[in-house]
Amino acid sequence: MIIECFEGGIVRLTEPMDFRRFKLVLHAGARPETQGWKGITLLDERDALVAIDLVPTLTGRPDDASWDQRYAEMVAKAREHGWIDAERAAIRAHIERA
């Protein structure tokens, strides 16, 4: 599952059925210091926190009840591995630049 961030604050979900990967891709022109991506907090150059409730609202999410269940299972596994920030209700994501 990839969360793509573009210039102008545009955010979308791609590869939504890949529940084994979770990353944030910053595209050219998407400068973090000037963007206000609601629900996304950049921690440093390599990691970000993405609000758990944000992902199901993104463009690109399948309209499928089974997706909701699989997403909840992914979040539960992320919690087991320590990738959830409980205080912020967010999942840790690796950042890549495109």
PDB file of N, CA and C in Angstrom:
ATOM      1  N   MET A   1       0.860  -1.164   0.000  1.00  0.00           N
ATOM      2  CA  MET A   1       0.000   0.000   0.000  1.00  0.00           C
ATOM      3  C   MET A   1       0.909   1.229   0.000  1.00  0.00           C
ATOM      4  N   ILE A   2       0.630   2.127  -0.902  1.00  0.00           N
ATOM      5  CA  ILE A   2       1.455   3.319  -1.055  1.00  0.00           C
ATOM      6  C   ILE A   2       0.572   4.557  -0.930  1.00  0.00           C
ATOM      7  N   ILE A   3       1.024   5.487  -0.131  1.00  0.00           N
ATOM      8  CA  ILE A   3       0.357   6.779  -0.027  1.00  0.00           C
ATOM      9  C   ILE A   3       1.239   7.757  -0.782  1.00  0.00           C
ATOM     10  N   GLU A   4       0.688   8.319  -1.864  1.00  0.00           N
ATOM     11  CA  GLU A   4       1.444   9.238  -2.699  1.00  0.00           C
ATOM     12  C   GLU A   4       1.040  10.673  -2.391  1.00  0.00           C
ATOM     13  N   CYS A   5       2.054  11.535  -2.227  1.00  0.00           N
ATOM     14  CA  CYS A   5       1.828  12.945  -1.937  1.00  0.00           C
ATOM     15  C   CYS A   5       2.391  13.779  -3.081  1.00  0.00           C
ATOM     16  N   PHE A   6       1.568  14.689  -3.562  1.00  0.00           N
ATOM     17  CA  PHE A   6       1.923  15.526  -4.697  1.00  0.00           C
ATOM     18  C   PHE A   6       1.882  16.995  -4.303  1.00  0.00           C
ATOM     19  N   GLU A   7       2.457  17.819  -5.171  1.00  0.00           N
ATOM     20  CA  GLU A   7       2.406  19.259  -4.994  1.00  0.00           C
ATOM     21  C   GLU A   7       0.950  19.700  -4.905  1.00  0.00           C
ATOM     22  N   GLY A   8       0.689  20.691  -4.107  1.00  0.00           N
ATOM     23  CA  GLY A   8      -0.667  21.206  -3.967  1.00  0.00           C
ATOM     24  C   GLY A   8      -1.473  20.487  -2.903  1.00  0.00           C
ATOM     25  N   GLY A   9      -0.827  19.625  -2.125  1.00  0.00           N
ATOM     26  CA  GLY A   9      -1.524  18.940  -1.037  1.00  0.00           C
ATOM     27  C   GLY A   9      -2.335  17.737  -1.467  1.00  0.00           C
ATOM     28  N   ILE A  10      -2.154  17.270  -2.700  1.00  0.00           N
ATOM     29  CA  ILE A  10      -2.902  16.116  -3.200  1.00  0.00           C
ATOM     30  C   ILE A  10      -2.293  14.828  -2.642  1.00  0.00           C
ATOM     31  N   VAL A  11      -3.156  13.977  -2.108  1.00  0.00           N
ATOM     32  CA  VAL A  11      -2.745  12.702  -1.528  1.00  0.00           C
ATOM     33  C   VAL A  11      -3.657  11.623  -2.071  1.00  0.00           C
ATOM     34  N   ARG A  12      -3.071  10.492  -2.492  1.00  0.00           N
ATOM     35  CA  ARG A  12      -3.897   9.389  -2.984  1.00  0.00           C
ATOM     36  C   ARG A  12      -3.269   8.058  -2.586  1.00  0.00           C
ATOM     37  N   LEU A  13      -4.083   7.030  -2.630  1.00  0.00           N
ATOM     38  CA  LEU A  13      -3.671   5.673  -2.279  1.00  0.00           C
ATOM     39  C   LEU A  13      -3.469   4.868  -3.556  1.00  0.00           C
ATOM     40  N   THR A  14      -2.325   4.192  -3.666  1.00  0.00           N
ATOM     41  CA  THR A  14      -2.087   3.288  -4.784  1.00  0.00           C
ATOM     42  C   THR A  14      -1.686   1.926  -4.226  1.00  0.00           C
ATOM     43  N   GLU A  15      -1.836   0.915  -5.046  1.00  0.00           N
ATOM     44  CA  GLU A  15      -1.601  -0.471  -4.635  1.00  0.00           C
ATOM     45  C   GLU A  15      -2.347  -0.786  -3.327  1.00  0.00           C
ATOM     46  N   PRO A  16      -3.639  -0.450  -3.289  1.00  0.00           N
ATOM     47  CA  PRO A  16      -4.403  -0.587  -2.045  1.00  0.00           C
ATOM     48  C   PRO A  16      -4.611  -2.020  -1.569  1.00  0.00           C
ATOM     49  N   MET A  17      -4.382  -2.996  -2.430  1.00  0.00           N
ATOM     50  CA  MET A  17      -4.571  -4.386  -2.022  1.00  0.00           C
ATOM     51  C   MET A  17      -3.275  -5.035  -1.533  1.00  0.00           C
ATOM     52  N   ASP A  18      -2.184  -4.276  -1.534  1.00  0.00           N
ATOM     53  CA  ASP A  18      -0.902  -4.783  -1.032  1.00  0.00           C
ATOM     54  C   ASP A  18      -0.814  -4.435   0.455  1.00  0.00           C
ATOM     55  N   PHE A  19      -1.219  -5.358   1.285  1.00  0.00           N
ATOM     56  CA  PHE A  19      -1.262  -5.124   2.734  1.00  0.00           C
ATOM     57  C   PHE A  19       0.044  -5.502   3.422  1.00  0.00           C
ATOM     58  N   ARG A  20       1.051  -5.889   2.649  1.00  0.00           N
ATOM     59  CA  ARG A  20       2.330  -6.293   3.219  1.00  0.00           C
ATOM     60  C   ARG A  20       3.346  -5.148   3.229  1.00  0.00           C
ATOM     61  N   ARG A  21       3.086  -4.130   2.433  1.00  0.00           N
ATOM     62  CA  ARG A  21       3.975  -2.965   2.390  1.00  0.00           C
ATOM     63  C   ARG A  21       3.158  -1.731   2.767  1.00  0.00           C
ATOM     64  N   PHE A  22       3.834  -0.774   3.378  1.00  0.00           N
ATOM     65  CA  PHE A  22       3.159   0.482   3.709  1.00  0.00           C
ATOM     66  C   PHE A  22       4.216   1.566   3.642  1.00  0.00           C
ATOM     67  N   LYS A  23       4.073   2.467   2.672  1.00  0.00           N
ATOM     68  CA  LYS A  23       5.054   3.535   2.545  1.00  0.00           C
ATOM     69  C   LYS A  23       4.406   4.809   2.035  1.00  0.00           C
ATOM     70  N   LEU A  24       5.152   5.895   2.203  1.00  0.00           N
ATOM     71  CA  LEU A  24       4.736   7.220   1.766  1.00  0.00           C
ATOM     72  C   LEU A  24       5.701   7.648   0.663  1.00  0.00           C
ATOM     73  N   VAL A  25       5.176   8.028  -0.496  1.00  0.00           N
ATOM     74  CA  VAL A  25       6.012   8.481  -1.607  1.00  0.00           C
ATOM     75  C   VAL A  25       5.770   9.970  -1.815  1.00  0.00           C
ATOM     76  N   LEU A  26       6.850  10.747  -1.720  1.00  0.00           N
ATOM     77  CA  LEU A  26       6.786  12.183  -1.969  1.00  0.00           C
ATOM     78  C   LEU A  26       7.244  12.420  -3.398  1.00  0.00           C
ATOM     79  N   HIS A  27       6.355  12.925  -4.232  1.00  0.00           N
ATOM     80  CA  HIS A  27       6.679  13.183  -5.636  1.00  0.00           C
ATOM     81  C   HIS A  27       7.377  14.531  -5.795  1.00  0.00           C
ATOM     82  N   ALA A  28       8.094  14.669  -6.909  1.00  0.00           N
ATOM     83  CA  ALA A  28       8.807  15.912  -7.208  1.00  0.00           C
ATOM     84  C   ALA A  28       7.846  17.089  -7.086  1.00  0.00           C
ATOM     85  N   GLY A  29       8.314  18.126  -6.474  1.00  0.00           N
ATOM     86  CA  GLY A  29       7.476  19.310  -6.289  1.00  0.00           C
ATOM     87  C   GLY A  29       6.688  19.293  -4.998  1.00  0.00           C
ATOM     88  N   ALA A  30       6.587  18.130  -4.363  1.00  0.00           N
ATOM     89  CA  ALA A  30       5.866  18.029  -3.085  1.00  0.00           C
ATOM     90  C   ALA A  30       6.864  18.300  -1.967  1.00  0.00           C
ATOM     91  N   ARG A  31       6.981  19.548  -1.621  1.00  0.00           N
ATOM     92  CA  ARG A  31       7.941  19.937  -0.594  1.00  0.00           C
ATOM     93  C   ARG A  31       7.258  19.903   0.770  1.00  0.00           C
ATOM     94  N   PRO A  32       7.708  19.007   1.632  1.00  0.00           N
ATOM     95  CA  PRO A  32       7.048  18.818   2.934  1.00  0.00           C
ATOM     96  C   PRO A  32       6.926  20.098   3.756  1.00  0.00           C
ATOM     97  N   GLU A  33       7.902  20.977   3.673  1.00  0.00           N
ATOM     98  CA  GLU A  33       7.869  22.172   4.507  1.00  0.00           C
ATOM     99  C   GLU A  33       6.768  23.144   4.092  1.00  0.00           C
ATOM    100  N   THR A  34       6.232  22.988   2.882  1.00  0.00           N
ATOM    101  CA  THR A  34       5.188  23.911   2.426  1.00  0.00           C
ATOM    102  C   THR A  34       3.820  23.250   2.331  1.00  0.00           C
ATOM    103  N   GLN A  35       3.736  21.970   2.609  1.00  0.00           N
ATOM    104  CA  GLN A  35       2.471  21.235   2.457  1.00  0.00           C
ATOM    105  C   GLN A  35       1.764  21.082   3.801  1.00  0.00           C
ATOM    106  N   GLY A  36       0.481  20.964   3.734  1.00  0.00           N
ATOM    107  CA  GLY A  36      -0.317  20.703   4.915  1.00  0.00           C
ATOM    108  C   GLY A  36      -1.123  19.443   4.700  1.00  0.00           C
ATOM    109  N   TRP A  37      -0.457  18.312   4.597  1.00  0.00           N
ATOM    110  CA  TRP A  37      -1.152  17.051   4.364  1.00  0.00           C
ATOM    111  C   TRP A  37      -1.813  16.619   5.665  1.00  0.00           C
ATOM    112  N   LYS A  38      -3.090  16.814   5.766  1.00  0.00           N
ATOM    113  CA  LYS A  38      -3.829  16.482   6.973  1.00  0.00           C
ATOM    114  C   LYS A  38      -3.720  14.981   7.251  1.00  0.00           C
ATOM    115  N   GLY A  39      -3.320  14.640   8.471  1.00  0.00           N
ATOM    116  CA  GLY A  39      -3.213  13.249   8.872  1.00  0.00           C
ATOM    117  C   GLY A  39      -1.855  12.637   8.610  1.00  0.00           C
ATOM    118  N   ILE A  40      -0.924  13.423   8.052  1.00  0.00           N
ATOM    119  CA  ILE A  40       0.422  12.927   7.774  1.00  0.00           C
ATOM    120  C   ILE A  40       1.427  13.815   8.497  1.00  0.00           C
ATOM    121  N   THR A  41       2.281  13.192   9.301  1.00  0.00           N
ATOM    122  CA  THR A  41       3.313  13.906  10.030  1.00  0.00           C
ATOM    123  C   THR A  41       4.661  13.348   9.623  1.00  0.00           C
ATOM    124  N   LEU A  42       5.507  14.190   9.042  1.00  0.00           N
ATOM    125  CA  LEU A  42       6.857  13.754   8.695  1.00  0.00           C
ATOM    126  C   LEU A  42       7.720  13.843   9.950  1.00  0.00           C
ATOM    127  N   LEU A  43       8.316  12.716  10.322  1.00  0.00           N
ATOM    128  CA  LEU A  43       9.151  12.671  11.518  1.00  0.00           C
ATOM    129  C   LEU A  43      10.578  13.113  11.223  1.00  0.00           C
ATOM    130  N   ASP A  44      11.089  12.680  10.075  1.00  0.00           N
ATOM    131  CA  ASP A  44      12.424  13.023   9.615  1.00  0.00           C
ATOM    132  C   ASP A  44      12.489  12.716   8.127  1.00  0.00           C
ATOM    133  N   GLU A  45      13.666  12.595   7.567  1.00  0.00           N
ATOM    134  CA  GLU A  45      13.820  12.343   6.132  1.00  0.00           C
ATOM    135  C   GLU A  45      13.398  10.927   5.721  1.00  0.00           C
ATOM    136  N   ARG A  46      13.322  10.017   6.689  1.00  0.00           N
ATOM    137  CA  ARG A  46      13.063   8.608   6.371  1.00  0.00           C
ATOM    138  C   ARG A  46      11.709   8.087   6.815  1.00  0.00           C
ATOM    139  N   ASP A  47      11.109   8.696   7.827  1.00  0.00           N
ATOM    140  CA  ASP A  47       9.890   8.142   8.415  1.00  0.00           C
ATOM    141  C   ASP A  47       8.801   9.192   8.598  1.00  0.00           C
ATOM    142  N   ALA A  48       7.565   8.704   8.515  1.00  0.00           N
ATOM    143  CA  ALA A  48       6.388   9.550   8.717  1.00  0.00           C
ATOM    144  C   ALA A  48       5.359   8.774   9.527  1.00  0.00           C
ATOM    145  N   LEU A  49       4.405   9.490  10.069  1.00  0.00           N
ATOM    146  CA  LEU A  49       3.245   8.883  10.709  1.00  0.00           C
ATOM    147  C   LEU A  49       2.025   9.237   9.870  1.00  0.00           C
ATOM    148  N   VAL A  50       1.214   8.225   9.598  1.00  0.00           N
ATOM    149  CA  VAL A  50      -0.004   8.407   8.812  1.00  0.00           C
ATOM    150  C   VAL A  50      -1.184   8.009   9.695  1.00  0.00           C
ATOM    151  N   ALA A  51      -2.125   8.918   9.875  1.00  0.00           N
ATOM    152  CA  ALA A  51      -3.289   8.640  10.714  1.00  0.00           C
ATOM    153  C   ALA A  51      -4.020   7.396  10.205  1.00  0.00           C
ATOM    154  N   ILE A  52      -4.328   6.501  11.118  1.00  0.00           N
ATOM    155  CA  ILE A  52      -5.018   5.258  10.765  1.00  0.00           C
ATOM    156  C   ILE A  52      -6.340   5.559  10.069  1.00  0.00           C
ATOM    157  N   ASP A  53      -7.043   6.579  10.546  1.00  0.00           N
ATOM    158  CA  ASP A  53      -8.345   6.932   9.972  1.00  0.00           C
ATOM    159  C   ASP A  53      -8.239   7.634   8.613  1.00  0.00           C
ATOM    160  N   LEU A  54      -7.056   8.124   8.254  1.00  0.00           N
ATOM    161  CA  LEU A  54      -6.897   8.811   6.979  1.00  0.00           C
ATOM    162  C   LEU A  54      -6.945   7.843   5.798  1.00  0.00           C
ATOM    163  N   VAL A  55      -6.260   6.724   5.919  1.00  0.00           N
ATOM    164  CA  VAL A  55      -6.086   5.806   4.785  1.00  0.00           C
ATOM    165  C   VAL A  55      -7.413   5.405   4.129  1.00  0.00           C
ATOM    166  N   PRO A  56      -8.435   5.018   4.882  1.00  0.00           N
ATOM    167  CA  PRO A  56      -9.697   4.624   4.232  1.00  0.00           C
ATOM    168  C   PRO A  56     -10.426   5.761   3.521  1.00  0.00           C
ATOM    169  N   THR A  57     -10.017   6.997   3.746  1.00  0.00           N
ATOM    170  CA  THR A  57     -10.687   8.137   3.114  1.00  0.00           C
ATOM    171  C   THR A  57     -10.012   8.586   1.829  1.00  0.00           C
ATOM    172  N   LEU A  58      -8.852   8.010   1.515  1.00  0.00           N
ATOM    173  CA  LEU A  58      -8.077   8.480   0.372  1.00  0.00           C
ATOM    174  C   LEU A  58      -8.643   8.009  -0.967  1.00  0.00           C
ATOM    175  N   THR A  59      -8.474   8.841  -1.971  1.00  0.00           N
ATOM    176  CA  THR A  59      -8.781   8.458  -3.343  1.00  0.00           C
ATOM    177  C   THR A  59      -7.928   7.246  -3.684  1.00  0.00           C
ATOM    178  N   GLY A  60      -8.543   6.255  -4.302  1.00  0.00           N
ATOM    179  CA  GLY A  60      -7.828   5.038  -4.661  1.00  0.00           C
ATOM    180  C   GLY A  60      -8.189   3.856  -3.791  1.00  0.00           C
ATOM    181  N   ARG A  61      -8.907   4.113  -2.715  1.00  0.00           N
ATOM    182  CA  ARG A  61      -9.342   3.036  -1.831  1.00  0.00           C
ATOM    183  C   ARG A  61     -10.465   2.265  -2.505  1.00  0.00           C
ATOM    184  N   PRO A  62     -10.363   0.937  -2.549  1.00  0.00           N
ATOM    185  CA  PRO A  62     -11.442   0.151  -3.148  1.00  0.00           C
ATOM    186  C   PRO A  62     -12.728   0.261  -2.325  1.00  0.00           C
ATOM    187  N   ASP A  63     -13.848   0.264  -3.001  1.00  0.00           N
ATOM    188  CA  ASP A  63     -15.144   0.284  -2.324  1.00  0.00           C
ATOM    189  C   ASP A  63     -15.563  -1.172  -2.114  1.00  0.00           C
ATOM    190  N   ASP A  64     -14.983  -1.770  -1.102  1.00  0.00           N
ATOM    191  CA  ASP A  64     -15.118  -3.209  -0.892  1.00  0.00           C
ATOM    192  C   ASP A  64     -15.038  -3.488   0.614  1.00  0.00           C
ATOM    193  N   ALA A  65     -16.031  -4.142   1.156  1.00  0.00           N
ATOM    194  CA  ALA A  65     -16.060  -4.437   2.587  1.00  0.00           C
ATOM    195  C   ALA A  65     -14.887  -5.313   3.004  1.00  0.00           C
ATOM    196  N   SER A  66     -14.436  -6.186   2.127  1.00  0.00           N
ATOM    197  CA  SER A  66     -13.302  -7.042   2.490  1.00  0.00           C
ATOM    198  C   SER A  66     -12.035  -6.211   2.652  1.00  0.00           C
ATOM    199  N   TRP A  67     -11.947  -5.073   1.947  1.00  0.00           N
ATOM    200  CA  TRP A  67     -10.783  -4.197   2.106  1.00  0.00           C
ATOM    201  C   TRP A  67     -10.730  -3.661   3.538  1.00  0.00           C
ATOM    202  N   ASP A  68     -11.880  -3.253   4.070  1.00  0.00           N
ATOM    203  CA  ASP A  68     -11.937  -2.744   5.445  1.00  0.00           C
ATOM    204  C   ASP A  68     -11.404  -3.774   6.430  1.00  0.00           C
ATOM    205  N   GLN A  69     -11.819  -5.007   6.269  1.00  0.00           N
ATOM    206  CA  GLN A  69     -11.377  -6.074   7.170  1.00  0.00           C
ATOM    207  C   GLN A  69      -9.872  -6.307   7.043  1.00  0.00           C
ATOM    208  N   ARG A  70      -9.379  -6.352   5.831  1.00  0.00           N
ATOM    209  CA  ARG A  70      -7.945  -6.591   5.620  1.00  0.00           C
ATOM    210  C   ARG A  70      -7.115  -5.411   6.122  1.00  0.00           C
ATOM    211  N   TYR A  71      -7.628  -4.203   5.974  1.00  0.00           N
ATOM    212  CA  TYR A  71      -6.926  -3.027   6.496  1.00  0.00           C
ATOM    213  C   TYR A  71      -6.858  -3.097   8.026  1.00  0.00           C
ATOM    214  N   ALA A  72      -7.946  -3.453   8.664  1.00  0.00           N
ATOM    215  CA  ALA A  72      -7.958  -3.593  10.125  1.00  0.00           C
ATOM    216  C   ALA A  72      -6.955  -4.655  10.571  1.00  0.00           C
ATOM    217  N   GLU A  73      -6.853  -5.748   9.834  1.00  0.00           N
ATOM    218  CA  GLU A  73      -5.875  -6.793  10.149  1.00  0.00           C
ATOM    219  C   GLU A  73      -4.450  -6.270   9.988  1.00  0.00           C
ATOM    220  N   MET A  74      -4.214  -5.462   8.947  1.00  0.00           N
ATOM    221  CA  MET A  74      -2.885  -4.875   8.743  1.00  0.00           C
ATOM    222  C   MET A  74      -2.512  -3.965   9.914  1.00  0.00           C
ATOM    223  N   VAL A  75      -3.460  -3.154  10.362  1.00  0.00           N
ATOM    224  CA  VAL A  75      -3.216  -2.256  11.491  1.00  0.00           C
ATOM    225  C   VAL A  75      -2.908  -3.072  12.749  1.00  0.00           C
ATOM    226  N   ALA A  76      -3.642  -4.148  12.968  1.00  0.00           N
ATOM    227  CA  ALA A  76      -3.401  -5.002  14.139  1.00  0.00           C
ATOM    228  C   ALA A  76      -1.992  -5.595  14.092  1.00  0.00           C
ATOM    229  N   LYS A  77      -1.562  -6.042  12.928  1.00  0.00           N
ATOM    230  CA  LYS A  77      -0.203  -6.597  12.798  1.00  0.00           C
ATOM    231  C   LYS A  77       0.847  -5.513  12.997  1.00  0.00           C
ATOM    232  N   ALA A  78       0.579  -4.320  12.474  1.00  0.00           N
ATOM    233  CA  ALA A  78       1.507  -3.212  12.677  1.00  0.00           C
ATOM    234  C   ALA A  78       1.640  -2.898  14.164  1.00  0.00           C
ATOM    235  N   ARG A  79       0.546  -2.986  14.885  1.00  0.00           N
ATOM    236  CA  ARG A  79       0.570  -2.742  16.332  1.00  0.00           C
ATOM    237  C   ARG A  79       1.452  -3.777  17.028  1.00  0.00           C
ATOM    238  N   GLU A  80       1.325  -5.048  16.626  1.00  0.00           N
ATOM    239  CA  GLU A  80       2.140  -6.114  17.213  1.00  0.00           C
ATOM    240  C   GLU A  80       3.633  -5.863  17.009  1.00  0.00           C
ATOM    241  N   HIS A  81       3.981  -5.242  15.886  1.00  0.00           N
ATOM    242  CA  HIS A  81       5.388  -4.990  15.556  1.00  0.00           C
ATOM    243  C   HIS A  81       5.888  -3.640  16.081  1.00  0.00           C
ATOM    244  N   GLY A  82       5.031  -2.897  16.769  1.00  0.00           N
ATOM    245  CA  GLY A  82       5.441  -1.617  17.331  1.00  0.00           C
ATOM    246  C   GLY A  82       5.449  -0.469  16.336  1.00  0.00           C
ATOM    247  N   TRP A  83       4.704  -0.604  15.230  1.00  0.00           N
ATOM    248  CA  TRP A  83       4.688   0.422  14.193  1.00  0.00           C
ATOM    249  C   TRP A  83       3.514   1.384  14.337  1.00  0.00           C
ATOM    250  N   ILE A  84       2.785   1.292  15.427  1.00  0.00           N
ATOM    251  CA  ILE A  84       1.654   2.183  15.675  1.00  0.00           C
ATOM    252  C   ILE A  84       2.031   3.162  16.783  1.00  0.00           C
ATOM    253  N   ASP A  85       1.779   4.430  16.534  1.00  0.00           N
ATOM    254  CA  ASP A  85       1.924   5.452  17.564  1.00  0.00           C
ATOM    255  C   ASP A  85       0.530   5.605  18.168  1.00  0.00           C
ATOM    256  N   ALA A  86       0.321   5.005  19.342  1.00  0.00           N
ATOM    257  CA  ALA A  86      -1.004   4.980  19.969  1.00  0.00           C
ATOM    258  C   ALA A  86      -1.489   6.382  20.324  1.00  0.00           C
ATOM    259  N   GLU A  87      -0.595   7.241  20.753  1.00  0.00           N
ATOM    260  CA  GLU A  87      -0.979   8.602  21.144  1.00  0.00           C
ATOM    261  C   GLU A  87      -1.548   9.385  19.958  1.00  0.00           C
ATOM    262  N   ARG A  88      -0.968   9.178  18.785  1.00  0.00           N
ATOM    263  CA  ARG A  88      -1.419   9.890  17.585  1.00  0.00           C
ATOM    264  C   ARG A  88      -2.352   9.050  16.717  1.00  0.00           C
ATOM    265  N   ALA A  89      -2.590   7.797  17.109  1.00  0.00           N
ATOM    266  CA  ALA A  89      -3.422   6.872  16.316  1.00  0.00           C
ATOM    267  C   ALA A  89      -2.944   6.847  14.869  1.00  0.00           C
ATOM    268  N   ALA A  90      -1.630   6.568  14.714  1.00  0.00           N
ATOM    269  CA  ALA A  90      -1.018   6.626  13.392  1.00  0.00           C
ATOM    270  C   ALA A  90      -0.078   5.441  13.174  1.00  0.00           C
ATOM    271  N   ILE A  91       0.105   5.115  11.892  1.00  0.00           N
ATOM    272  CA  ILE A  91       1.013   4.047  11.474  1.00  0.00           C
ATOM    273  C   ILE A  91       2.311   4.665  10.981  1.00  0.00           C
ATOM    274  N   ARG A  92       3.414   4.078  11.388  1.00  0.00           N
ATOM    275  CA  ARG A  92       4.712   4.527  10.889  1.00  0.00           C
ATOM    276  C   ARG A  92       4.880   4.059   9.439  1.00  0.00           C
ATOM    277  N   ALA A  93       5.335   4.971   8.587  1.00  0.00           N
ATOM    278  CA  ALA A  93       5.553   4.666   7.172  1.00  0.00           C
ATOM    279  C   ALA A  93       6.936   5.113   6.759  1.00  0.00           C
ATOM    280  N   HIS A  94       7.594   4.310   5.948  1.00  0.00           N
ATOM    281  CA  HIS A  94       8.871   4.679   5.364  1.00  0.00           C
ATOM    282  C   HIS A  94       8.625   5.703   4.258  1.00  0.00           C
ATOM    283  N   ILE A  95       9.494   6.690   4.125  1.00  0.00           N
ATOM    284  CA  ILE A  95       9.359   7.707   3.092  1.00  0.00           C
ATOM    285  C   ILE A  95      10.284   7.393   1.923  1.00  0.00           C
ATOM    286  N   GLU A  96       9.733   7.497   0.726  1.00  0.00           N
ATOM    287  CA  GLU A  96      10.531   7.416  -0.502  1.00  0.00           C
ATOM    288  C   GLU A  96      10.251   8.669  -1.307  1.00  0.00           C
ATOM    289  N   ARG A  97      11.224   9.071  -2.089  1.00  0.00           N
ATOM    290  CA  ARG A  97      11.056  10.244  -2.953  1.00  0.00           C
ATOM    291  C   ARG A  97      11.051   9.806  -4.417  1.00  0.00           C
ATOM    292  N   ALA A  98      10.107  10.345  -5.172  1.00  0.00           N
ATOM    293  CA  ALA A  98       9.993   9.977  -6.588  1.00  0.00           C
ATOM    294  C   ALA A  98      10.327  11.173  -7.464  1.00  0.00           C
TER     295      ALA A  98
END
